Amino acid sequence: MAVVTARSFKRDELDCCPSVANSEGAILSEIREIMSWELFGVASRELAIQVAQSGYEPDIILAIARGGLLSAGALGYALSVKNTYTMNVEFYTGVNERLAVPMILPPVPSLVDLKDSKVLIVDDVADTGHTLKHVLEFCKGQLADTRLAVLYEKSQSIVKCDYVWKYTDEWINFPWSDKDPVAKRKWSVKDA
């Protein structure tokens, strides 16, 4: 069986990644992490193994939508956790472009019946960490225990996650968001 590893590419090596500048005019890094669907399978499995080997047995997995949905589902199967919740938090509006603060979008999950639960909060990346910090603040005092799991964590993140598959400071092309949306909407942006 072939070994699958994460790869970084210069933008000019990818036909999907032209050079861009953010709204403040800053030139973005020429290097990107590339995650394929196959690598996503490997990464989620290895992340689940980290959680299992730590002895942590979550009662619930809380997916941070949209980026954390697929990872949360994969971890739910690998860790035999059937109870999954979703919290939709909007922060990114484009490549390296974000709102002033993360916003929890409705419907907001009710945690009133979960006070004795151990919850694994899952997202695709801890970039700035503001989204995960916002979710942790929302959950504070309402759950027995929370831990964080992400595929990628960046050094600039203000939150340090309990379980991380890979550390990087590059922008990440995920297989679910690296192509233009099929359905065009006023707010549709690739990579956000």
N, C-alpha and C. Protein backbone atom coordinates (compact mmCIF):
# COMPACT_ATOMS: atom_id res chain seq x y z
N MET A 1 0.83 -1.18 0.00
CA MET A 1 0.00 0.00 0.00
C MET A 1 0.88 1.24 0.00
N ALA A 2 0.54 2.21 -0.81
CA ALA A 2 1.32 3.44 -0.92
C ALA A 2 1.13 4.30 0.31
N VAL A 3 2.19 4.97 0.70
CA VAL A 3 2.11 5.89 1.82
C VAL A 3 1.66 7.25 1.29
N VAL A 4 0.66 7.84 1.92
CA VAL A 4 0.15 9.14 1.50
C VAL A 4 0.63 10.17 2.51
N THR A 5 1.23 11.23 2.02
CA THR A 5 1.72 12.28 2.91
C THR A 5 1.21 13.63 2.44
N ALA A 6 1.19 14.60 3.35
CA ALA A 6 0.78 15.96 3.00
C ALA A 6 1.87 16.57 2.13
N ARG A 7 1.45 17.40 1.19
CA ARG A 7 2.41 18.03 0.30
C ARG A 7 2.15 19.52 0.24
N SER A 8 3.21 20.28 0.07
CA SER A 8 3.10 21.72 -0.14
C SER A 8 3.55 22.00 -1.56
N PHE A 9 2.89 22.93 -2.21
CA PHE A 9 3.21 23.30 -3.57
C PHE A 9 3.32 24.80 -3.69
N LYS A 10 4.17 25.26 -4.63
CA LYS A 10 4.14 26.66 -4.99
C LYS A 10 2.90 26.87 -5.84
N ARG A 11 2.33 28.06 -5.75
CA ARG A 11 1.10 28.32 -6.49
C ARG A 11 1.26 28.11 -7.98
N ASP A 12 2.42 28.45 -8.57
CA ASP A 12 2.55 28.30 -10.01
C ASP A 12 2.63 26.84 -10.45
N GLU A 13 2.73 25.93 -9.50
CA GLU A 13 2.69 24.50 -9.81
C GLU A 13 1.25 23.99 -9.84
N LEU A 14 0.30 24.82 -9.47
CA LEU A 14 -1.10 24.43 -9.41
C LEU A 14 -1.90 25.31 -10.36
N ASP A 15 -2.71 24.70 -11.20
CA ASP A 15 -3.52 25.52 -12.09
C ASP A 15 -4.72 26.12 -11.38
N CYS A 16 -5.00 25.67 -10.16
CA CYS A 16 -6.17 26.15 -9.43
C CYS A 16 -5.86 27.32 -8.52
N CYS A 17 -4.60 27.73 -8.43
CA CYS A 17 -4.24 28.70 -7.40
C CYS A 17 -3.48 29.90 -7.96
N PRO A 18 -4.15 30.84 -8.62
CA PRO A 18 -3.43 32.01 -9.10
C PRO A 18 -2.97 32.87 -7.94
N SER A 19 -1.99 33.73 -8.19
CA SER A 19 -1.54 34.64 -7.14
C SER A 19 -2.66 35.59 -6.78
N VAL A 20 -2.82 35.86 -5.50
CA VAL A 20 -3.88 36.74 -5.04
C VAL A 20 -3.35 37.65 -3.94
N ALA A 21 -4.06 38.73 -3.73
CA ALA A 21 -3.80 39.60 -2.60
C ALA A 21 -5.09 39.71 -1.82
N ASN A 22 -4.99 39.88 -0.51
CA ASN A 22 -6.21 40.02 0.28
C ASN A 22 -6.73 41.45 0.17
N SER A 23 -7.84 41.75 0.83
CA SER A 23 -8.48 43.05 0.70
C SER A 23 -7.60 44.20 1.19
N GLU A 24 -6.63 43.89 2.05
CA GLU A 24 -5.72 44.93 2.52
C GLU A 24 -4.51 45.06 1.58
N GLY A 25 -4.48 44.27 0.51
CA GLY A 25 -3.40 44.35 -0.46
C GLY A 25 -2.19 43.50 -0.12
N ALA A 26 -2.23 42.73 0.96
CA ALA A 26 -1.09 41.90 1.34
C ALA A 26 -0.97 40.72 0.38
N ILE A 27 0.21 40.45 -0.08
CA ILE A 27 0.44 39.31 -0.96
C ILE A 27 0.49 38.06 -0.10
N LEU A 28 -0.26 37.06 -0.52
CA LEU A 28 -0.33 35.82 0.25
C LEU A 28 0.85 34.92 -0.11
N SER A 29 1.15 34.00 0.76
CA SER A 29 2.25 33.06 0.56
C SER A 29 2.12 32.35 -0.77
N GLU A 30 3.25 32.08 -1.39
CA GLU A 30 3.26 31.34 -2.65
C GLU A 30 3.11 29.84 -2.43
N ILE A 31 3.15 29.38 -1.19
CA ILE A 31 3.07 27.96 -0.88
C ILE A 31 1.71 27.65 -0.26
N ARG A 32 1.15 26.49 -0.64
CA ARG A 32 -0.10 26.03 -0.04
C ARG A 32 0.02 24.57 0.34
N GLU A 33 -0.64 24.20 1.42
CA GLU A 33 -0.82 22.79 1.77
C GLU A 33 -1.92 22.26 0.85
N ILE A 34 -1.73 21.06 0.35
CA ILE A 34 -2.74 20.43 -0.50
C ILE A 34 -3.22 19.16 0.19
N MET A 35 -4.53 19.10 0.46
CA MET A 35 -5.11 17.90 1.03
C MET A 35 -6.02 17.28 -0.02
N SER A 36 -5.72 16.07 -0.42
CA SER A 36 -6.57 15.32 -1.34
C SER A 36 -7.61 14.56 -0.54
N TRP A 37 -8.59 13.99 -1.24
CA TRP A 37 -9.59 13.16 -0.55
C TRP A 37 -8.90 11.96 0.10
N GLU A 38 -7.93 11.37 -0.60
CA GLU A 38 -7.23 10.22 -0.04
C GLU A 38 -6.47 10.61 1.23
N LEU A 39 -5.80 11.75 1.18
CA LEU A 39 -5.06 12.21 2.35
C LEU A 39 -6.00 12.57 3.49
N PHE A 40 -7.18 13.09 3.17
CA PHE A 40 -8.18 13.37 4.20
C PHE A 40 -8.54 12.09 4.95
N GLY A 41 -8.70 10.98 4.23
CA GLY A 41 -9.00 9.70 4.88
C GLY A 41 -7.89 9.28 5.84
N VAL A 42 -6.67 9.42 5.39
CA VAL A 42 -5.51 9.07 6.24
C VAL A 42 -5.45 10.00 7.45
N ALA A 43 -5.60 11.29 7.22
CA ALA A 43 -5.50 12.29 8.30
C ALA A 43 -6.57 12.08 9.36
N SER A 44 -7.83 11.85 8.91
CA SER A 44 -8.90 11.67 9.90
C SER A 44 -8.70 10.42 10.72
N ARG A 45 -8.21 9.37 10.07
CA ARG A 45 -7.97 8.12 10.80
C ARG A 45 -6.86 8.32 11.84
N GLU A 46 -5.77 8.97 11.43
CA GLU A 46 -4.66 9.22 12.36
C GLU A 46 -5.08 10.15 13.50
N LEU A 47 -5.95 11.11 13.21
CA LEU A 47 -6.46 11.99 14.25
C LEU A 47 -7.31 11.21 15.24
N ALA A 48 -8.14 10.30 14.73
CA ALA A 48 -8.97 9.45 15.61
C ALA A 48 -8.09 8.57 16.48
N ILE A 49 -7.01 8.06 15.93
CA ILE A 49 -6.09 7.22 16.72
C ILE A 49 -5.48 8.04 17.86
N GLN A 50 -5.13 9.30 17.60
CA GLN A 50 -4.61 10.17 18.67
C GLN A 50 -5.61 10.28 19.82
N VAL A 51 -6.88 10.53 19.45
CA VAL A 51 -7.92 10.68 20.47
C VAL A 51 -8.07 9.38 21.26
N ALA A 52 -8.18 8.27 20.55
CA ALA A 52 -8.38 6.97 21.21
C ALA A 52 -7.20 6.62 22.11
N GLN A 53 -5.98 6.83 21.63
CA GLN A 53 -4.80 6.48 22.42
C GLN A 53 -4.63 7.38 23.65
N SER A 54 -5.24 8.56 23.62
CA SER A 54 -5.16 9.44 24.79
C SER A 54 -6.08 8.98 25.92
N GLY A 55 -7.01 8.07 25.57
CA GLY A 55 -7.97 7.59 26.57
C GLY A 55 -9.24 8.43 26.65
N TYR A 56 -9.31 9.50 25.88
CA TYR A 56 -10.50 10.36 25.90
C TYR A 56 -11.63 9.66 25.16
N GLU A 57 -12.78 9.57 25.81
CA GLU A 57 -13.96 8.93 25.22
C GLU A 57 -15.11 9.93 25.19
N PRO A 58 -15.21 10.70 24.10
CA PRO A 58 -16.27 11.71 24.05
C PRO A 58 -17.65 11.07 23.95
N ASP A 59 -18.62 11.73 24.58
CA ASP A 59 -20.01 11.32 24.46
C ASP A 59 -20.62 11.90 23.19
N ILE A 60 -20.11 13.06 22.80
CA ILE A 60 -20.65 13.81 21.67
C ILE A 60 -19.51 14.40 20.87
N ILE A 61 -19.72 14.49 19.55
CA ILE A 61 -18.80 15.23 18.70
C ILE A 61 -19.56 16.45 18.18
N LEU A 62 -18.97 17.62 18.39
CA LEU A 62 -19.54 18.88 17.93
C LEU A 62 -18.75 19.35 16.71
N ALA A 63 -19.39 19.33 15.55
CA ALA A 63 -18.75 19.75 14.30
C ALA A 63 -18.92 21.25 14.12
N ILE A 64 -17.85 21.92 13.78
CA ILE A 64 -17.92 23.34 13.45
C ILE A 64 -18.08 23.42 11.93
N ALA A 65 -19.27 23.90 11.51
CA ALA A 65 -19.58 23.98 10.09
C ALA A 65 -19.01 25.28 9.51
N ARG A 66 -18.60 25.12 8.30
CA ARG A 66 -18.73 23.99 7.40
C ARG A 66 -17.48 23.12 7.40
N GLY A 67 -16.32 23.70 7.62
CA GLY A 67 -15.07 22.98 7.48
C GLY A 67 -14.93 21.74 8.33
N GLY A 68 -15.51 21.72 9.52
CA GLY A 68 -15.36 20.59 10.42
C GLY A 68 -16.36 19.47 10.23
N LEU A 69 -17.33 19.65 9.32
CA LEU A 69 -18.38 18.64 9.16
C LEU A 69 -17.84 17.28 8.74
N LEU A 70 -17.00 17.26 7.73
CA LEU A 70 -16.51 15.97 7.23
C LEU A 70 -15.56 15.30 8.22
N SER A 71 -14.71 16.09 8.85
CA SER A 71 -13.80 15.54 9.86
C SER A 71 -14.58 14.98 11.03
N ALA A 72 -15.62 15.69 11.47
CA ALA A 72 -16.43 15.23 12.60
C ALA A 72 -17.12 13.92 12.27
N GLY A 73 -17.64 13.81 11.06
CA GLY A 73 -18.28 12.55 10.66
C GLY A 73 -17.30 11.40 10.64
N ALA A 74 -16.11 11.64 10.10
CA ALA A 74 -15.09 10.60 10.04
C ALA A 74 -14.66 10.19 11.45
N LEU A 75 -14.48 11.17 12.34
CA LEU A 75 -14.10 10.86 13.72
C LEU A 75 -15.23 10.14 14.45
N GLY A 76 -16.46 10.52 14.17
CA GLY A 76 -17.60 9.85 14.79
C GLY A 76 -17.60 8.36 14.48
N TYR A 77 -17.38 8.01 13.23
CA TYR A 77 -17.31 6.59 12.86
C TYR A 77 -16.10 5.91 13.50
N ALA A 78 -14.93 6.53 13.41
CA ALA A 78 -13.70 5.91 13.90
C ALA A 78 -13.70 5.74 15.42
N LEU A 79 -14.37 6.66 16.13
CA LEU A 79 -14.38 6.62 17.59
C LEU A 79 -15.67 6.00 18.15
N SER A 80 -16.51 5.49 17.27
CA SER A 80 -17.80 4.89 17.67
C SER A 80 -18.67 5.85 18.48
N VAL A 81 -18.72 7.09 18.02
CA VAL A 81 -19.57 8.11 18.65
C VAL A 81 -20.72 8.42 17.70
N LYS A 82 -21.93 8.09 18.12
CA LYS A 82 -23.10 8.32 17.26
C LYS A 82 -23.71 9.70 17.45
N ASN A 83 -23.54 10.27 18.64
CA ASN A 83 -24.13 11.58 18.91
C ASN A 83 -23.25 12.68 18.33
N THR A 84 -23.76 13.34 17.30
CA THR A 84 -23.03 14.44 16.68
C THR A 84 -23.94 15.67 16.61
N TYR A 85 -23.36 16.80 16.88
CA TYR A 85 -24.05 18.08 16.80
C TYR A 85 -23.28 18.96 15.84
N THR A 86 -23.97 19.97 15.34
CA THR A 86 -23.34 20.93 14.43
C THR A 86 -23.55 22.34 14.95
N MET A 87 -22.49 23.12 14.88
CA MET A 87 -22.58 24.55 15.19
C MET A 87 -22.00 25.28 13.99
N ASN A 88 -22.78 26.18 13.43
CA ASN A 88 -22.34 26.93 12.27
C ASN A 88 -21.76 28.27 12.73
N VAL A 89 -20.46 28.43 12.49
CA VAL A 89 -19.78 29.66 12.89
C VAL A 89 -19.19 30.28 11.63
N GLU A 90 -19.59 31.51 11.35
CA GLU A 90 -19.06 32.21 10.18
C GLU A 90 -17.94 33.13 10.62
N PHE A 91 -16.81 33.05 9.91
CA PHE A 91 -15.68 33.92 10.20
C PHE A 91 -14.96 34.31 8.91
N TYR A 92 -14.63 33.31 8.09
CA TYR A 92 -13.91 33.58 6.85
C TYR A 92 -14.86 34.00 5.74
N THR A 93 -14.45 35.04 5.00
CA THR A 93 -15.23 35.51 3.86
C THR A 93 -14.46 35.34 2.55
N GLY A 94 -13.22 34.90 2.63
CA GLY A 94 -12.37 34.67 1.46
C GLY A 94 -11.00 34.21 1.94
N VAL A 95 -10.06 34.10 1.01
CA VAL A 95 -8.71 33.68 1.36
C VAL A 95 -8.08 34.75 2.25
N ASN A 96 -7.78 34.38 3.49
CA ASN A 96 -7.20 35.29 4.49
C ASN A 96 -8.05 36.53 4.72
N GLU A 97 -9.34 36.45 4.47
CA GLU A 97 -10.26 37.56 4.73
C GLU A 97 -11.33 37.07 5.69
N ARG A 98 -11.59 37.85 6.74
CA ARG A 98 -12.53 37.41 7.76
C ARG A 98 -13.37 38.57 8.28
N LEU A 99 -14.44 38.19 8.96
CA LEU A 99 -15.26 39.17 9.67
C LEU A 99 -14.46 39.68 10.87
N ALA A 100 -14.93 40.75 11.49
CA ALA A 100 -14.23 41.29 12.66
C ALA A 100 -14.20 40.28 13.80
N VAL A 101 -15.30 39.57 14.01
CA VAL A 101 -15.38 38.53 15.03
C VAL A 101 -16.20 37.37 14.48
N PRO A 102 -15.96 36.13 14.95
CA PRO A 102 -16.77 35.00 14.50
C PRO A 102 -18.22 35.17 14.96
N MET A 103 -19.15 34.70 14.13
CA MET A 103 -20.57 34.79 14.45
C MET A 103 -21.18 33.39 14.45
N ILE A 104 -21.85 33.02 15.54
CA ILE A 104 -22.59 31.76 15.59
C ILE A 104 -23.91 32.00 14.88
N LEU A 105 -24.18 31.18 13.85
CA LEU A 105 -25.39 31.32 13.06
C LEU A 105 -26.46 30.37 13.55
N PRO A 106 -27.73 30.76 13.42
CA PRO A 106 -28.81 29.86 13.84
C PRO A 106 -28.91 28.66 12.90
N PRO A 107 -29.45 27.55 13.40
CA PRO A 107 -29.92 27.34 14.76
C PRO A 107 -28.75 27.07 15.71
N VAL A 108 -28.81 27.69 16.86
CA VAL A 108 -27.77 27.54 17.88
C VAL A 108 -28.11 26.31 18.72
N PRO A 109 -27.14 25.38 18.86
CA PRO A 109 -27.44 24.18 19.64
C PRO A 109 -27.71 24.49 21.11
N SER A 110 -28.69 23.82 21.67
CA SER A 110 -28.99 23.97 23.09
C SER A 110 -28.15 22.95 23.86
N LEU A 111 -27.40 23.44 24.81
CA LEU A 111 -26.52 22.56 25.58
C LEU A 111 -27.09 22.21 26.95
N VAL A 112 -28.32 22.62 27.22
CA VAL A 112 -28.91 22.46 28.55
C VAL A 112 -28.95 21.00 29.01
N ASP A 113 -29.16 20.07 28.11
CA ASP A 113 -29.24 18.66 28.49
C ASP A 113 -27.90 17.94 28.41
N LEU A 114 -26.83 18.68 28.15
CA LEU A 114 -25.52 18.05 27.93
C LEU A 114 -24.51 18.36 29.03
N LYS A 115 -24.96 18.87 30.17
CA LYS A 115 -24.03 19.34 31.20
C LYS A 115 -23.09 18.28 31.73
N ASP A 116 -23.45 17.01 31.64
CA ASP A 116 -22.57 15.95 32.12
C ASP A 116 -21.79 15.28 30.99
N SER A 117 -21.81 15.88 29.82
CA SER A 117 -21.22 15.25 28.63
C SER A 117 -19.79 15.69 28.38
N LYS A 118 -19.03 14.75 27.81
CA LYS A 118 -17.68 15.04 27.32
C LYS A 118 -17.83 15.26 25.82
N VAL A 119 -17.37 16.42 25.35
CA VAL A 119 -17.59 16.81 23.96
C VAL A 119 -16.27 17.05 23.25
N LEU A 120 -16.12 16.40 22.10
CA LEU A 120 -14.97 16.63 21.22
C LEU A 120 -15.42 17.63 20.16
N ILE A 121 -14.83 18.81 20.17
CA ILE A 121 -15.14 19.86 19.20
C ILE A 121 -14.17 19.70 18.03
N VAL A 122 -14.73 19.62 16.81
CA VAL A 122 -13.93 19.30 15.64
C VAL A 122 -14.07 20.38 14.57
N ASP A 123 -12.94 20.82 14.04
CA ASP A 123 -12.90 21.75 12.91
C ASP A 123 -11.79 21.32 11.98
N ASP A 124 -11.76 21.91 10.79
CA ASP A 124 -10.72 21.52 9.84
C ASP A 124 -9.38 22.14 10.18
N VAL A 125 -9.38 23.41 10.61
CA VAL A 125 -8.12 24.10 10.88
C VAL A 125 -8.29 25.10 12.02
N ALA A 126 -7.27 25.19 12.86
CA ALA A 126 -7.16 26.27 13.83
C ALA A 126 -6.21 27.27 13.20
N ASP A 127 -6.75 28.24 12.50
CA ASP A 127 -5.94 29.22 11.79
C ASP A 127 -5.59 30.35 12.76
N THR A 128 -6.50 31.28 12.96
CA THR A 128 -6.28 32.31 13.99
C THR A 128 -6.66 31.77 15.36
N GLY A 129 -7.56 30.78 15.38
CA GLY A 129 -8.05 30.22 16.63
C GLY A 129 -9.28 30.95 17.17
N HIS A 130 -9.67 32.05 16.54
CA HIS A 130 -10.80 32.84 17.05
C HIS A 130 -12.12 32.08 16.99
N THR A 131 -12.33 31.29 15.94
CA THR A 131 -13.57 30.50 15.84
C THR A 131 -13.64 29.51 17.00
N LEU A 132 -12.59 28.76 17.22
CA LEU A 132 -12.59 27.77 18.29
C LEU A 132 -12.70 28.43 19.67
N LYS A 133 -12.05 29.56 19.85
CA LYS A 133 -12.16 30.28 21.12
C LYS A 133 -13.61 30.70 21.36
N HIS A 134 -14.26 31.16 20.31
CA HIS A 134 -15.66 31.58 20.41
C HIS A 134 -16.55 30.40 20.81
N VAL A 135 -16.31 29.25 20.21
CA VAL A 135 -17.08 28.04 20.52
C VAL A 135 -16.81 27.61 21.96
N LEU A 136 -15.55 27.62 22.38
CA LEU A 136 -15.21 27.25 23.76
C LEU A 136 -15.90 28.17 24.77
N GLU A 137 -15.93 29.47 24.47
CA GLU A 137 -16.61 30.41 25.36
C GLU A 137 -18.11 30.12 25.42
N PHE A 138 -18.70 29.76 24.30
CA PHE A 138 -20.11 29.41 24.25
C PHE A 138 -20.39 28.17 25.12
N CYS A 139 -19.48 27.21 25.09
CA CYS A 139 -19.67 25.95 25.82
C CYS A 139 -19.27 26.03 27.29
N LYS A 140 -18.49 27.04 27.67
CA LYS A 140 -17.93 27.13 29.02
C LYS A 140 -19.01 27.01 30.10
N GLY A 141 -18.78 26.11 31.03
CA GLY A 141 -19.68 25.91 32.15
C GLY A 141 -20.94 25.12 31.83
N GLN A 142 -21.11 24.73 30.55
CA GLN A 142 -22.31 24.01 30.15
C GLN A 142 -22.06 22.52 29.89
N LEU A 143 -20.79 22.13 29.89
CA LEU A 143 -20.42 20.75 29.58
C LEU A 143 -19.44 20.23 30.62
N ALA A 144 -19.39 18.91 30.78
CA ALA A 144 -18.47 18.33 31.75
C ALA A 144 -17.02 18.52 31.30
N ASP A 145 -16.77 18.36 29.99
CA ASP A 145 -15.40 18.44 29.48
C ASP A 145 -15.45 18.70 27.99
N THR A 146 -14.52 19.53 27.50
CA THR A 146 -14.39 19.76 26.07
C THR A 146 -12.93 19.59 25.67
N ARG A 147 -12.75 19.03 24.50
CA ARG A 147 -11.42 18.95 23.89
C ARG A 147 -11.56 19.31 22.42
N LEU A 148 -10.45 19.76 21.84
CA LEU A 148 -10.44 20.22 20.46
C LEU A 148 -9.62 19.31 19.57
N ALA A 149 -10.17 19.00 18.39
CA ALA A 149 -9.46 18.21 17.39
C ALA A 149 -9.55 18.91 16.04
N VAL A 150 -8.41 19.06 15.39
CA VAL A 150 -8.35 19.69 14.06
C VAL A 150 -7.39 18.92 13.17
N LEU A 151 -7.61 19.03 11.88
CA LEU A 151 -6.67 18.45 10.94
C LEU A 151 -5.37 19.25 10.94
N TYR A 152 -5.48 20.58 10.94
CA TYR A 152 -4.32 21.46 10.88
C TYR A 152 -4.40 22.53 11.97
N GLU A 153 -3.24 22.87 12.52
CA GLU A 153 -3.14 24.00 13.44
C GLU A 153 -1.99 24.88 12.99
N LYS A 154 -2.23 26.19 13.01
CA LYS A 154 -1.19 27.15 12.62
C LYS A 154 -0.58 27.77 13.87
N SER A 155 0.67 28.19 13.76
CA SER A 155 1.39 28.73 14.91
C SER A 155 0.76 30.01 15.45
N GLN A 156 0.05 30.73 14.61
CA GLN A 156 -0.59 31.98 15.03
C GLN A 156 -1.88 31.75 15.83
N SER A 157 -2.36 30.53 15.89
CA SER A 157 -3.63 30.24 16.56
C SER A 157 -3.56 30.62 18.04
N ILE A 158 -4.59 31.34 18.51
CA ILE A 158 -4.64 31.73 19.92
C ILE A 158 -5.14 30.58 20.78
N VAL A 159 -5.62 29.52 20.14
CA VAL A 159 -6.08 28.32 20.84
C VAL A 159 -5.15 27.18 20.46
N LYS A 160 -4.68 26.44 21.43
CA LYS A 160 -3.86 25.26 21.17
C LYS A 160 -4.75 24.03 21.33
N CYS A 161 -4.87 23.26 20.27
CA CYS A 161 -5.80 22.13 20.26
C CYS A 161 -5.20 20.91 20.95
N ASP A 162 -6.09 20.05 21.44
CA ASP A 162 -5.66 18.83 22.11
C ASP A 162 -5.16 17.78 21.13
N TYR A 163 -5.78 17.75 19.94
CA TYR A 163 -5.44 16.75 18.93
C TYR A 163 -5.27 17.45 17.59
N VAL A 164 -4.09 17.28 16.99
CA VAL A 164 -3.76 17.94 15.73
C VAL A 164 -3.09 16.91 14.82
N TRP A 165 -3.56 16.83 13.59
CA TRP A 165 -2.92 15.92 12.64
C TRP A 165 -1.62 16.51 12.10
N LYS A 166 -1.63 17.81 11.73
CA LYS A 166 -0.43 18.42 11.16
C LYS A 166 -0.38 19.90 11.49
N TYR A 167 0.82 20.40 11.72
CA TYR A 167 1.06 21.82 11.95
C TYR A 167 1.57 22.45 10.67
N THR A 168 1.02 23.60 10.30
CA THR A 168 1.46 24.31 9.10
C THR A 168 1.15 25.79 9.27
N ASP A 169 1.82 26.62 8.52
CA ASP A 169 1.48 28.04 8.48
C ASP A 169 1.04 28.45 7.08
N GLU A 170 0.85 27.48 6.21
CA GLU A 170 0.43 27.77 4.84
C GLU A 170 -1.09 27.77 4.74
N TRP A 171 -1.61 28.43 3.69
CA TRP A 171 -3.04 28.32 3.39
C TRP A 171 -3.28 26.89 2.93
N ILE A 172 -4.42 26.33 3.27
CA ILE A 172 -4.69 24.92 2.98
C ILE A 172 -5.77 24.80 1.91
N ASN A 173 -5.48 24.02 0.89
CA ASN A 173 -6.50 23.68 -0.11
C ASN A 173 -7.12 22.36 0.33
N PHE A 174 -8.36 22.42 0.83
CA PHE A 174 -9.09 21.22 1.19
C PHE A 174 -9.85 20.73 -0.04
N PRO A 175 -10.04 19.42 -0.18
CA PRO A 175 -10.70 18.91 -1.38
C PRO A 175 -12.15 19.36 -1.50
N TRP A 176 -12.79 19.76 -0.40
CA TRP A 176 -14.18 20.18 -0.45
C TRP A 176 -14.34 21.67 -0.72
N SER A 177 -13.26 22.43 -0.72
CA SER A 177 -13.42 23.88 -0.91
C SER A 177 -12.42 24.50 -1.87
N ASP A 178 -11.67 23.69 -2.61
CA ASP A 178 -10.64 24.27 -3.48
C ASP A 178 -11.12 24.52 -4.91
N LYS A 179 -12.38 24.25 -5.19
CA LYS A 179 -12.94 24.52 -6.51
C LYS A 179 -14.08 25.51 -6.36
N ASP A 180 -14.36 26.23 -7.45
CA ASP A 180 -15.48 27.16 -7.42
C ASP A 180 -16.77 26.42 -7.11
N PRO A 181 -17.66 27.04 -6.34
CA PRO A 181 -18.96 26.40 -6.06
C PRO A 181 -19.73 26.13 -7.35
N VAL A 182 -20.48 25.06 -7.36
CA VAL A 182 -21.33 24.71 -8.51
C VAL A 182 -22.52 25.66 -8.55
N ALA A 183 -23.10 25.93 -7.39
CA ALA A 183 -24.22 26.86 -7.29
C ALA A 183 -23.65 28.24 -6.95
N LYS A 184 -23.83 29.18 -7.83
CA LYS A 184 -23.30 30.54 -7.60
C LYS A 184 -24.31 31.35 -6.79
N ARG A 185 -23.82 31.98 -5.76
CA ARG A 185 -24.63 32.87 -4.94
C ARG A 185 -23.85 34.16 -4.75
N LYS A 186 -24.51 35.18 -4.31
CA LYS A 186 -23.83 36.48 -4.14
C LYS A 186 -22.63 36.37 -3.22
N TRP A 187 -22.71 35.54 -2.22
CA TRP A 187 -21.66 35.43 -1.21
C TRP A 187 -20.68 34.28 -1.47
N SER A 188 -20.88 33.51 -2.54
CA SER A 188 -20.03 32.33 -2.80
C SER A 188 -18.59 32.74 -3.10
N VAL A 189 -17.66 32.11 -2.38
CA VAL A 189 -16.24 32.35 -2.57
C VAL A 189 -15.51 31.02 -2.43
N LYS A 190 -14.61 30.73 -3.38
CA LYS A 190 -13.79 29.53 -3.25
C LYS A 190 -12.88 29.70 -2.04
N ASP A 191 -12.63 28.63 -1.31
CA ASP A 191 -11.73 28.61 -0.16
C ASP A 191 -12.32 29.24 1.10
N ALA A 192 -13.61 29.59 1.11
CA ALA A 192 -14.15 30.21 2.33
C ALA A 192 -15.43 29.53 2.76
